[in-house]
Amino acid sequence: MNSPSYSERLFPAIGTQLALALSIPMTFLAALPFSQTTAVVAALMAGAIVLGLGNALAPKISVTHVLQAGRFRVPLDAIGELKVLDADELKRRIGPEANPKAQLLIRGDLKSALEIEIVDPSDPTPYLVISSRTPQALASAIYANRT
């Protein structure tokens, strides 16, 4: 197996992590009628589980001989043009100008993405839009591994 030339994990935003952490006081209050010790243990376990799952289930983007982004797995020879999208372009491409057949891997707090044209005639997907903190580096890795 080739080691990835690009790898990124789309962890939940800080606000999402704080919202998930609200499971700690909620569980504490729900378990408090049983005993204070039970409430503390249950709250800490619930917090660890919820926050752990939030981070463990975060989609990963990697480029080797294929582009893998979350559940998408695309051979590099099926990729056409690449376009780095800034915040305004991203809004248009996932909003009014969106193709209903396009596939998206979007993180709401990331304001940049990469649009990836799919040129495989057997695939009905015209393009992917993938949120990334470094879309230019992702595009460079795809170009570098394609040749």
Protein backbone atom coordinates (compact mmCIF):
# COMPACT_ATOMS: atom_id res chain seq x y z
CA MET A 1 0.00 0.00 0.00
CA ASN A 2 1.34 3.41 -0.94
CA SER A 3 1.66 5.99 1.79
CA PRO A 4 -0.52 9.01 1.11
CA SER A 5 1.07 12.08 -0.44
CA TYR A 6 -1.75 14.12 1.08
CA SER A 7 -3.79 13.44 4.16
CA GLU A 8 -6.29 15.58 6.03
CA ARG A 9 -8.92 14.83 8.65
CA LEU A 10 -12.02 17.03 8.80
CA PHE A 11 -12.51 17.10 12.56
CA PRO A 12 -15.66 18.78 13.91
CA ALA A 13 -15.46 22.52 14.48
CA ILE A 14 -14.87 23.87 17.98
CA GLY A 15 -18.53 24.93 18.22
CA THR A 16 -19.65 21.41 17.34
CA GLN A 17 -17.26 19.95 19.91
CA LEU A 18 -18.68 22.31 22.54
CA ALA A 19 -22.22 21.25 21.61
CA LEU A 20 -21.21 17.59 21.93
CA ALA A 21 -19.63 18.36 25.30
CA LEU A 22 -23.05 19.45 26.55
CA SER A 23 -23.77 15.74 26.92
CA ILE A 24 -21.62 15.86 30.08
CA PRO A 25 -23.82 18.15 32.22
CA MET A 26 -27.01 16.70 30.71
CA THR A 27 -25.98 13.17 31.65
CA PHE A 28 -24.84 14.34 35.08
CA LEU A 29 -28.24 15.92 35.77
CA ALA A 30 -30.13 12.91 34.43
CA ALA A 31 -28.13 10.48 36.59
CA LEU A 32 -27.99 12.64 39.72
CA PRO A 33 -31.13 11.11 41.30
CA PHE A 34 -29.31 7.74 41.49
CA SER A 35 -26.21 9.06 43.30
CA GLN A 36 -23.58 11.71 42.90
CA THR A 37 -20.87 9.14 42.14
CA THR A 38 -23.03 7.46 39.49
CA ALA A 39 -23.79 10.86 37.96
CA VAL A 40 -20.12 11.83 37.73
CA VAL A 41 -19.06 8.48 36.24
CA ALA A 42 -21.97 8.43 33.76
CA ALA A 43 -21.35 12.04 32.71
CA LEU A 44 -17.64 11.48 32.10
CA MET A 45 -18.29 8.25 30.19
CA ALA A 46 -21.01 9.87 28.06
CA GLY A 47 -18.77 12.84 27.29
CA ALA A 48 -15.85 10.63 26.33
CA ILE A 49 -18.04 8.46 24.12
CA VAL A 50 -19.80 11.33 22.34
CA LEU A 51 -16.66 13.40 21.80
CA GLY A 52 -14.67 10.31 20.82
CA LEU A 53 -17.24 9.26 18.25
CA GLY A 54 -17.44 12.79 16.86
CA ASN A 55 -13.72 12.78 16.22
CA ALA A 56 -13.43 9.13 15.15
CA LEU A 57 -16.17 9.50 12.55
CA ALA A 58 -14.68 12.67 11.03
CA PRO A 59 -14.12 12.12 7.30
CA LYS A 60 -10.56 11.69 6.06
CA ILE A 61 -9.16 12.90 2.76
CA SER A 62 -6.10 11.17 1.31
CA VAL A 63 -4.39 10.93 -2.05
CA THR A 64 -2.32 7.94 -3.18
CA HIS A 65 -3.10 6.21 -6.48
CA VAL A 66 -6.74 7.08 -5.68
CA LEU A 67 -8.49 10.02 -4.09
CA GLN A 68 -10.29 8.91 -0.97
CA ALA A 69 -12.54 11.48 0.67
CA GLY A 70 -14.95 10.14 3.24
CA ARG A 71 -17.01 7.50 1.44
CA PHE A 72 -15.79 8.59 -2.01
CA ARG A 73 -13.04 6.60 -3.69
CA VAL A 74 -12.03 7.93 -7.11
CA PRO A 75 -9.18 6.62 -9.29
CA LEU A 76 -6.94 9.52 -10.30
CA ASP A 77 -7.35 8.71 -14.01
CA ALA A 78 -11.11 9.44 -13.63
CA ILE A 79 -10.39 12.98 -12.48
CA GLY A 80 -10.52 15.85 -14.94
CA GLU A 81 -10.11 19.53 -14.11
CA LEU A 82 -9.60 20.78 -10.57
CA LYS A 83 -10.77 24.14 -9.31
CA VAL A 84 -10.01 25.69 -5.93
CA LEU A 85 -13.15 27.39 -4.60
CA ASP A 86 -13.10 30.38 -2.26
CA ALA A 87 -16.04 31.18 0.04
CA ASP A 88 -18.18 32.93 -2.61
CA GLU A 89 -17.55 30.33 -5.31
CA LEU A 90 -18.26 27.54 -2.81
CA LYS A 91 -21.64 29.08 -1.93
CA ARG A 92 -22.59 29.21 -5.61
CA ARG A 93 -21.38 25.67 -6.44
CA ILE A 94 -23.29 24.04 -3.59
CA GLY A 95 -26.25 26.44 -3.86
CA PRO A 96 -27.83 28.02 -6.94
CA GLU A 97 -25.35 26.61 -9.48
CA ALA A 98 -25.26 23.10 -8.03
CA ASN A 99 -25.81 20.11 -10.27
CA PRO A 100 -28.23 17.69 -8.56
CA LYS A 101 -25.99 14.75 -9.57
CA ALA A 102 -22.89 16.24 -7.93
CA GLN A 103 -21.50 14.69 -4.75
CA LEU A 104 -20.48 16.85 -1.81
CA LEU A 105 -18.26 16.43 1.25
CA ILE A 106 -18.83 19.74 2.99
CA ARG A 107 -17.83 21.05 6.40
CA GLY A 108 -19.83 24.16 7.23
CA ASP A 109 -17.04 25.96 9.06
CA LEU A 110 -14.49 25.57 6.23
CA LYS A 111 -14.78 28.34 3.67
CA SER A 112 -12.64 26.76 0.96
CA ALA A 113 -13.02 23.64 -1.12
CA LEU A 114 -11.84 21.82 -4.20
CA GLU A 115 -14.14 21.08 -7.13
CA ILE A 116 -13.09 17.87 -8.87
CA GLU A 117 -14.44 17.05 -12.31
CA ILE A 118 -15.22 13.35 -12.86
CA VAL A 119 -14.50 12.25 -16.45
CA ASP A 120 -15.41 8.56 -16.14
CA PRO A 121 -18.23 7.98 -18.69
CA SER A 122 -19.72 5.17 -16.57
CA ASP A 123 -20.07 7.46 -13.52
CA PRO A 124 -23.11 9.77 -13.52
CA THR A 125 -21.40 12.13 -11.04
CA PRO A 126 -20.27 15.28 -12.91
CA TYR A 127 -18.09 16.59 -10.08
CA LEU A 128 -17.22 16.36 -6.40
CA VAL A 129 -16.93 19.32 -4.07
CA ILE A 130 -14.71 18.57 -1.09
CA SER A 131 -14.15 21.00 1.79
CA SER A 132 -10.53 21.36 2.77
CA ARG A 133 -8.38 23.59 4.91
CA THR A 134 -5.73 23.46 2.16
CA PRO A 135 -7.48 22.90 -1.19
CA GLN A 136 -4.43 24.05 -3.18
CA ALA A 137 -2.27 21.38 -1.50
CA LEU A 138 -4.96 18.76 -2.22
CA ALA A 139 -5.02 19.80 -5.90
CA SER A 140 -1.21 19.69 -6.07
CA ALA A 141 -1.18 16.16 -4.58
CA ILE A 142 -3.74 14.97 -7.14
CA TYR A 143 -1.72 16.48 -10.02
CA ALA A 144 1.54 15.02 -8.65
CA ASN A 145 0.14 11.50 -8.26
CA ARG A 146 -1.64 11.51 -11.61
CA THR A 147 1.61 11.59 -13.58
